[in-house]
Amino acid sequence: MSLGYITEGEMRKLLCDAYARDPEKSLVANISRNAGDPAMPRDANNRPRIHPLWLTLGLVALVVIGVFFYFSFTQ
């Protein structure tokens, strides 16, 4: 593409192409970004860190499920 003026239609097409490749629209990328720790998203080995509240919620859910199975199968 040469330098100079472009028409409104060409600009609209270029913008549509640019926004079509937007990684923010990806559901998996959006979920992984929201599940990450906002204060420190990566550790020293460049691995993603989970948010502490999600970790706490998961541990509480595991304890509740464990207590449910314990009292369900023991008499």
PDB file of N, CA and C in Angstrom:
ATOM      1  N   MET A   1       0.848  -1.165   0.000  1.00  0.00           N
ATOM      2  CA  MET A   1       0.000   0.000   0.000  1.00  0.00           C
ATOM      3  C   MET A   1       0.898   1.234   0.000  1.00  0.00           C
ATOM      4  N   SER A   2       0.608   2.158  -0.857  1.00  0.00           N
ATOM      5  CA  SER A   2       1.431   3.363  -0.956  1.00  0.00           C
ATOM      6  C   SER A   2       1.001   4.385   0.090  1.00  0.00           C
ATOM      7  N   LEU A   3       1.910   5.284   0.385  1.00  0.00           N
ATOM      8  CA  LEU A   3       1.597   6.356   1.313  1.00  0.00           C
ATOM      9  C   LEU A   3       0.694   7.362   0.637  1.00  0.00           C
ATOM     10  N   GLY A   4      -0.220   7.922   1.381  1.00  0.00           N
ATOM     11  CA  GLY A   4      -1.142   8.891   0.814  1.00  0.00           C
ATOM     12  C   GLY A   4      -2.515   8.732   1.423  1.00  0.00           C
ATOM     13  N   TYR A   5      -3.463   9.376   0.837  1.00  0.00           N
ATOM     14  CA  TYR A   5      -4.827   9.332   1.344  1.00  0.00           C
ATOM     15  C   TYR A   5      -5.508   8.036   0.923  1.00  0.00           C
ATOM     16  N   ILE A   6      -6.362   7.542   1.830  1.00  0.00           N
ATOM     17  CA  ILE A   6      -7.175   6.382   1.499  1.00  0.00           C
ATOM     18  C   ILE A   6      -8.638   6.774   1.660  1.00  0.00           C
ATOM     19  N   THR A   7      -9.470   6.070   0.998  1.00  0.00           N
ATOM     20  CA  THR A   7     -10.889   6.401   1.051  1.00  0.00           C
ATOM     21  C   THR A   7     -11.514   5.870   2.335  1.00  0.00           C
ATOM     22  N   GLU A   8     -12.718   6.330   2.598  1.00  0.00           N
ATOM     23  CA  GLU A   8     -13.436   5.915   3.798  1.00  0.00           C
ATOM     24  C   GLU A   8     -13.720   4.411   3.768  1.00  0.00           C
ATOM     25  N   GLY A   9     -14.062   3.902   2.610  1.00  0.00           N
ATOM     26  CA  GLY A   9     -14.342   2.465   2.472  1.00  0.00           C
ATOM     27  C   GLY A   9     -13.103   1.618   2.719  1.00  0.00           C
ATOM     28  N   GLU A  10     -11.951   2.079   2.214  1.00  0.00           N
ATOM     29  CA  GLU A  10     -10.704   1.337   2.457  1.00  0.00           C
ATOM     30  C   GLU A  10     -10.349   1.339   3.943  1.00  0.00           C
ATOM     31  N   MET A  11     -10.531   2.492   4.603  1.00  0.00           N
ATOM     32  CA  MET A  11     -10.239   2.565   6.030  1.00  0.00           C
ATOM     33  C   MET A  11     -11.177   1.672   6.826  1.00  0.00           C
ATOM     34  N   ARG A  12     -12.438   1.646   6.447  1.00  0.00           N
ATOM     35  CA  ARG A  12     -13.405   0.789   7.134  1.00  0.00           C
ATOM     36  C   ARG A  12     -13.023  -0.676   6.981  1.00  0.00           C
ATOM     37  N   LYS A  13     -12.586  -1.084   5.785  1.00  0.00           N
ATOM     38  CA  LYS A  13     -12.176  -2.463   5.559  1.00  0.00           C
ATOM     39  C   LYS A  13     -10.924  -2.797   6.368  1.00  0.00           C
ATOM     40  N   LEU A  14      -9.960  -1.886   6.408  1.00  0.00           N
ATOM     41  CA  LEU A  14      -8.740  -2.117   7.185  1.00  0.00           C
ATOM     42  C   LEU A  14      -9.046  -2.233   8.678  1.00  0.00           C
ATOM     43  N   LEU A  15      -9.944  -1.388   9.179  1.00  0.00           N
ATOM     44  CA  LEU A  15     -10.308  -1.469  10.593  1.00  0.00           C
ATOM     45  C   LEU A  15     -11.065  -2.757  10.910  1.00  0.00           C
ATOM     46  N   CYS A  16     -11.947  -3.164  10.018  1.00  0.00           N
ATOM     47  CA  CYS A  16     -12.664  -4.433  10.226  1.00  0.00           C
ATOM     48  C   CYS A  16     -11.694  -5.608  10.255  1.00  0.00           C
ATOM     49  N   ASP A  17     -10.704  -5.598   9.372  1.00  0.00           N
ATOM     50  CA  ASP A  17      -9.700  -6.661   9.358  1.00  0.00           C
ATOM     51  C   ASP A  17      -8.870  -6.650  10.644  1.00  0.00           C
ATOM     52  N   ALA A  18      -8.518  -5.462  11.127  1.00  0.00           N
ATOM     53  CA  ALA A  18      -7.706  -5.353  12.340  1.00  0.00           C
ATOM     54  C   ALA A  18      -8.472  -5.837  13.560  1.00  0.00           C
ATOM     55  N   TYR A  19      -9.750  -5.463  13.665  1.00  0.00           N
ATOM     56  CA  TYR A  19     -10.524  -5.872  14.829  1.00  0.00           C
ATOM     57  C   TYR A  19     -10.995  -7.319  14.740  1.00  0.00           C
ATOM     58  N   ALA A  20     -11.008  -7.902  13.576  1.00  0.00           N
ATOM     59  CA  ALA A  20     -11.402  -9.304  13.432  1.00  0.00           C
ATOM     60  C   ALA A  20     -10.364 -10.225  14.055  1.00  0.00           C
ATOM     61  N   ARG A  21      -9.120  -9.793  14.109  1.00  0.00           N
ATOM     62  CA  ARG A  21      -8.043 -10.603  14.688  1.00  0.00           C
ATOM     63  C   ARG A  21      -7.817 -10.275  16.155  1.00  0.00           C
ATOM     64  N   ASP A  22      -8.751  -9.614  16.819  1.00  0.00           N
ATOM     65  CA  ASP A  22      -8.599  -9.170  18.195  1.00  0.00           C
ATOM     66  C   ASP A  22      -8.534 -10.377  19.133  1.00  0.00           C
ATOM     67  N   PRO A  23      -7.423 -10.576  19.870  1.00  0.00           N
ATOM     68  CA  PRO A  23      -7.325 -11.726  20.774  1.00  0.00           C
ATOM     69  C   PRO A  23      -8.226 -11.589  21.995  1.00  0.00           C
ATOM     70  N   GLU A  24      -8.708 -10.385  22.290  1.00  0.00           N
ATOM     71  CA  GLU A  24      -9.566 -10.200  23.447  1.00  0.00           C
ATOM     72  C   GLU A  24     -10.925 -10.867  23.265  1.00  0.00           C
ATOM     73  N   LYS A  25     -11.310 -11.184  22.050  1.00  0.00           N
ATOM     74  CA  LYS A  25     -12.596 -11.826  21.798  1.00  0.00           C
ATOM     75  C   LYS A  25     -12.549 -13.328  22.049  1.00  0.00           C
ATOM     76  N   SER A  26     -11.376 -13.889  22.205  1.00  0.00           N
ATOM     77  CA  SER A  26     -11.241 -15.319  22.432  1.00  0.00           C
ATOM     78  C   SER A  26     -11.736 -15.660  23.844  1.00  0.00           C
ATOM     79  N   LEU A  27     -12.656 -16.606  23.945  1.00  0.00           N
ATOM     80  CA  LEU A  27     -13.217 -16.985  25.235  1.00  0.00           C
ATOM     81  C   LEU A  27     -12.156 -17.590  26.149  1.00  0.00           C
ATOM     82  N   VAL A  28     -11.318 -18.450  25.617  1.00  0.00           N
ATOM     83  CA  VAL A  28     -10.288 -19.105  26.435  1.00  0.00           C
ATOM     84  C   VAL A  28      -9.280 -18.071  26.948  1.00  0.00           C
ATOM     85  N   ALA A  29      -8.862 -17.150  26.088  1.00  0.00           N
ATOM     86  CA  ALA A  29      -7.918 -16.112  26.515  1.00  0.00           C
ATOM     87  C   ALA A  29      -8.551 -15.201  27.553  1.00  0.00           C
ATOM     88  N   ASN A  30      -9.826 -14.905  27.393  1.00  0.00           N
ATOM     89  CA  ASN A  30     -10.517 -14.046  28.336  1.00  0.00           C
ATOM     90  C   ASN A  30     -10.640 -14.722  29.705  1.00  0.00           C
ATOM     91  N   ILE A  31     -10.995 -15.993  29.719  1.00  0.00           N
ATOM     92  CA  ILE A  31     -11.121 -16.720  30.980  1.00  0.00           C
ATOM     93  C   ILE A  31      -9.773 -16.861  31.666  1.00  0.00           C
ATOM     94  N   SER A  32      -8.731 -17.197  30.921  1.00  0.00           N
ATOM     95  CA  SER A  32      -7.412 -17.354  31.541  1.00  0.00           C
ATOM     96  C   SER A  32      -6.883 -16.026  32.064  1.00  0.00           C
ATOM     97  N   ARG A  33      -7.182 -14.928  31.377  1.00  0.00           N
ATOM     98  CA  ARG A  33      -6.740 -13.630  31.861  1.00  0.00           C
ATOM     99  C   ARG A  33      -7.484 -13.245  33.135  1.00  0.00           C
ATOM    100  N   ASN A  34      -8.784 -13.546  33.206  1.00  0.00           N
ATOM    101  CA  ASN A  34      -9.566 -13.202  34.387  1.00  0.00           C
ATOM    102  C   ASN A  34      -9.273 -14.119  35.570  1.00  0.00           C
ATOM    103  N   ALA A  35      -8.818 -15.325  35.329  1.00  0.00           N
ATOM    104  CA  ALA A  35      -8.504 -16.241  36.423  1.00  0.00           C
ATOM    105  C   ALA A  35      -7.116 -15.981  36.998  1.00  0.00           C
ATOM    106  N   GLY A  36      -6.308 -15.199  36.309  1.00  0.00           N
ATOM    107  CA  GLY A  36      -4.949 -14.941  36.760  1.00  0.00           C
ATOM    108  C   GLY A  36      -4.878 -13.927  37.885  1.00  0.00           C
ATOM    109  N   ASP A  37      -3.768 -13.947  38.585  1.00  0.00           N
ATOM    110  CA  ASP A  37      -3.516 -13.023  39.682  1.00  0.00           C
ATOM    111  C   ASP A  37      -3.240 -11.633  39.114  1.00  0.00           C
ATOM    112  N   PRO A  38      -4.027 -10.614  39.487  1.00  0.00           N
ATOM    113  CA  PRO A  38      -3.802  -9.284  38.914  1.00  0.00           C
ATOM    114  C   PRO A  38      -2.544  -8.608  39.438  1.00  0.00           C
ATOM    115  N   ALA A  39      -2.105  -8.943  40.638  1.00  0.00           N
ATOM    116  CA  ALA A  39      -0.925  -8.295  41.203  1.00  0.00           C
ATOM    117  C   ALA A  39       0.361  -8.834  40.594  1.00  0.00           C
ATOM    118  N   MET A  40       0.411 -10.121  40.324  1.00  0.00           N
ATOM    119  CA  MET A  40       1.613 -10.752  39.782  1.00  0.00           C
ATOM    120  C   MET A  40       1.178 -11.866  38.839  1.00  0.00           C
ATOM    121  N   PRO A  41       0.871 -11.546  37.568  1.00  0.00           N
ATOM    122  CA  PRO A  41       0.288 -12.549  36.670  1.00  0.00           C
ATOM    123  C   PRO A  41       1.231 -13.691  36.291  1.00  0.00           C
ATOM    124  N   ARG A  42       2.531 -13.487  36.380  1.00  0.00           N
ATOM    125  CA  ARG A  42       3.490 -14.539  36.019  1.00  0.00           C
ATOM    126  C   ARG A  42       4.477 -14.752  37.161  1.00  0.00           C
ATOM    127  N   ASP A  43       4.928 -16.001  37.334  1.00  0.00           N
ATOM    128  CA  ASP A  43       5.936 -16.268  38.358  1.00  0.00           C
ATOM    129  C   ASP A  43       7.332 -16.159  37.754  1.00  0.00           C
ATOM    130  N   ALA A  44       8.341 -16.574  38.495  1.00  0.00           N
ATOM    131  CA  ALA A  44       9.725 -16.445  38.045  1.00  0.00           C
ATOM    132  C   ALA A  44      10.013 -17.281  36.802  1.00  0.00           C
ATOM    133  N   ASN A  45       9.292 -18.388  36.606  1.00  0.00           N
ATOM    134  CA  ASN A  45       9.488 -19.252  35.441  1.00  0.00           C
ATOM    135  C   ASN A  45       8.557 -18.895  34.294  1.00  0.00           C
ATOM    136  N   ASN A  46       7.914 -17.725  34.362  1.00  0.00           N
ATOM    137  CA  ASN A  46       7.013 -17.213  33.332  1.00  0.00           C
ATOM    138  C   ASN A  46       5.776 -18.093  33.150  1.00  0.00           C
ATOM    139  N   ARG A  47       5.343 -18.730  34.226  1.00  0.00           N
ATOM    140  CA  ARG A  47       4.103 -19.511  34.208  1.00  0.00           C
ATOM    141  C   ARG A  47       2.980 -18.657  34.792  1.00  0.00           C
ATOM    142  N   PRO A  48       1.762 -18.817  34.308  1.00  0.00           N
ATOM    143  CA  PRO A  48       0.664 -18.014  34.864  1.00  0.00           C
ATOM    144  C   PRO A  48       0.342 -18.429  36.295  1.00  0.00           C
ATOM    145  N   ARG A  49      -0.011 -17.433  37.102  1.00  0.00           N
ATOM    146  CA  ARG A  49      -0.403 -17.680  38.487  1.00  0.00           C
ATOM    147  C   ARG A  49      -1.909 -17.526  38.605  1.00  0.00           C
ATOM    148  N   ILE A  50      -2.527 -18.415  39.383  1.00  0.00           N
ATOM    149  CA  ILE A  50      -3.970 -18.342  39.574  1.00  0.00           C
ATOM    150  C   ILE A  50      -4.268 -17.293  40.648  1.00  0.00           C
ATOM    151  N   HIS A  51      -5.424 -16.675  40.554  1.00  0.00           N
ATOM    152  CA  HIS A  51      -5.849 -15.663  41.511  1.00  0.00           C
ATOM    153  C   HIS A  51      -6.047 -16.328  42.876  1.00  0.00           C
ATOM    154  N   PRO A  52      -5.601 -15.697  43.963  1.00  0.00           N
ATOM    155  CA  PRO A  52      -5.738 -16.315  45.291  1.00  0.00           C
ATOM    156  C   PRO A  52      -7.182 -16.593  45.695  1.00  0.00           C
ATOM    157  N   LEU A  53      -8.120 -15.768  45.264  1.00  0.00           N
ATOM    158  CA  LEU A  53      -9.519 -16.027  45.612  1.00  0.00           C
ATOM    159  C   LEU A  53     -10.050 -17.278  44.919  1.00  0.00           C
ATOM    160  N   TRP A  54      -9.657 -17.510  43.658  1.00  0.00           N
ATOM    161  CA  TRP A  54     -10.061 -18.733  42.968  1.00  0.00           C
ATOM    162  C   TRP A  54      -9.447 -19.956  43.638  1.00  0.00           C
ATOM    163  N   LEU A  55      -8.207 -19.817  44.094  1.00  0.00           N
ATOM    164  CA  LEU A  55      -7.546 -20.927  44.791  1.00  0.00           C
ATOM    165  C   LEU A  55      -8.269 -21.245  46.090  1.00  0.00           C
ATOM    166  N   THR A  56      -8.629 -20.224  46.860  1.00  0.00           N
ATOM    167  CA  THR A  56      -9.355 -20.419  48.113  1.00  0.00           C
ATOM    168  C   THR A  56     -10.729 -21.027  47.865  1.00  0.00           C
ATOM    169  N   LEU A  57     -11.431 -20.527  46.865  1.00  0.00           N
ATOM    170  CA  LEU A  57     -12.745 -21.067  46.532  1.00  0.00           C
ATOM    171  C   LEU A  57     -12.648 -22.544  46.133  1.00  0.00           C
ATOM    172  N   GLY A  58     -11.630 -22.905  45.366  1.00  0.00           N
ATOM    173  CA  GLY A  58     -11.430 -24.294  44.972  1.00  0.00           C
ATOM    174  C   GLY A  58     -11.146 -25.197  46.152  1.00  0.00           C
ATOM    175  N   LEU A  59     -10.314 -24.725  47.080  1.00  0.00           N
ATOM    176  CA  LEU A  59     -10.004 -25.535  48.263  1.00  0.00           C
ATOM    177  C   LEU A  59     -11.232 -25.709  49.150  1.00  0.00           C
ATOM    178  N   VAL A  60     -12.030 -24.667  49.336  1.00  0.00           N
ATOM    179  CA  VAL A  60     -13.257 -24.778  50.128  1.00  0.00           C
ATOM    180  C   VAL A  60     -14.224 -25.742  49.454  1.00  0.00           C
ATOM    181  N   ALA A  61     -14.342 -25.677  48.136  1.00  0.00           N
ATOM    182  CA  ALA A  61     -15.226 -26.596  47.418  1.00  0.00           C
ATOM    183  C   ALA A  61     -14.763 -28.043  47.581  1.00  0.00           C
ATOM    184  N   LEU A  62     -13.452 -28.282  47.538  1.00  0.00           N
ATOM    185  CA  LEU A  62     -12.938 -29.642  47.739  1.00  0.00           C
ATOM    186  C   LEU A  62     -13.242 -30.147  49.142  1.00  0.00           C
ATOM    187  N   VAL A  63     -13.115 -29.292  50.138  1.00  0.00           N
ATOM    188  CA  VAL A  63     -13.425 -29.696  51.514  1.00  0.00           C
ATOM    189  C   VAL A  63     -14.908 -30.014  51.646  1.00  0.00           C
ATOM    190  N   VAL A  64     -15.762 -29.189  51.081  1.00  0.00           N
ATOM    191  CA  VAL A  64     -17.217 -29.436  51.147  1.00  0.00           C
ATOM    192  C   VAL A  64     -17.570 -30.745  50.451  1.00  0.00           C
ATOM    193  N   ILE A  65     -16.992 -31.000  49.294  1.00  0.00           N
ATOM    194  CA  ILE A  65     -17.249 -32.261  48.584  1.00  0.00           C
ATOM    195  C   ILE A  65     -16.729 -33.448  49.393  1.00  0.00           C
ATOM    196  N   GLY A  66     -15.556 -33.299  49.993  1.00  0.00           N
ATOM    197  CA  GLY A  66     -15.008 -34.369  50.824  1.00  0.00           C
ATOM    198  C   GLY A  66     -15.887 -34.670  52.025  1.00  0.00           C
ATOM    199  N   VAL A  67     -16.382 -33.629  52.694  1.00  0.00           N
ATOM    200  CA  VAL A  67     -17.278 -33.830  53.840  1.00  0.00           C
ATOM    201  C   VAL A  67     -18.571 -34.481  53.372  1.00  0.00           C
ATOM    202  N   PHE A  68     -19.100 -34.080  52.239  1.00  0.00           N
ATOM    203  CA  PHE A  68     -20.321 -34.688  51.706  1.00  0.00           C
ATOM    204  C   PHE A  68     -20.124 -36.179  51.463  1.00  0.00           C
ATOM    205  N   PHE A  69     -19.035 -36.546  50.785  1.00  0.00           N
ATOM    206  CA  PHE A  69     -18.791 -37.969  50.518  1.00  0.00           C
ATOM    207  C   PHE A  69     -18.514 -38.745  51.803  1.00  0.00           C
ATOM    208  N   TYR A  70     -17.834 -38.122  52.759  1.00  0.00           N
ATOM    209  CA  TYR A  70     -17.547 -38.809  54.023  1.00  0.00           C
ATOM    210  C   TYR A  70     -18.843 -39.161  54.746  1.00  0.00           C
ATOM    211  N   PHE A  71     -19.749 -38.195  54.876  1.00  0.00           N
ATOM    212  CA  PHE A  71     -20.989 -38.470  55.593  1.00  0.00           C
ATOM    213  C   PHE A  71     -22.002 -39.241  54.740  1.00  0.00           C
ATOM    214  N   SER A  72     -21.848 -39.267  53.439  1.00  0.00           N
ATOM    215  CA  SER A  72     -22.748 -40.029  52.592  1.00  0.00           C
ATOM    216  C   SER A  72     -22.449 -41.521  52.622  1.00  0.00           C
ATOM    217  N   PHE A  73     -21.164 -41.873  52.678  1.00  0.00           N
ATOM    218  CA  PHE A  73     -20.792 -43.290  52.574  1.00  0.00           C
ATOM    219  C   PHE A  73     -20.394 -43.927  53.895  1.00  0.00           C
ATOM    220  N   THR A  74     -20.339 -43.181  54.968  1.00  0.00           N
ATOM    221  CA  THR A  74     -20.053 -43.775  56.275  1.00  0.00           C
ATOM    222  C   THR A  74     -21.311 -43.686  57.136  1.00  0.00           C
ATOM    223  N   GLN A  75     -21.531 -44.734  57.901  1.00  0.00           N
ATOM    224  CA  GLN A  75     -22.734 -44.739  58.758  1.00  0.00           C
ATOM    225  C   GLN A  75     -22.386 -45.077  60.158  1.00  0.00           C
TER     226      GLN A  75
END
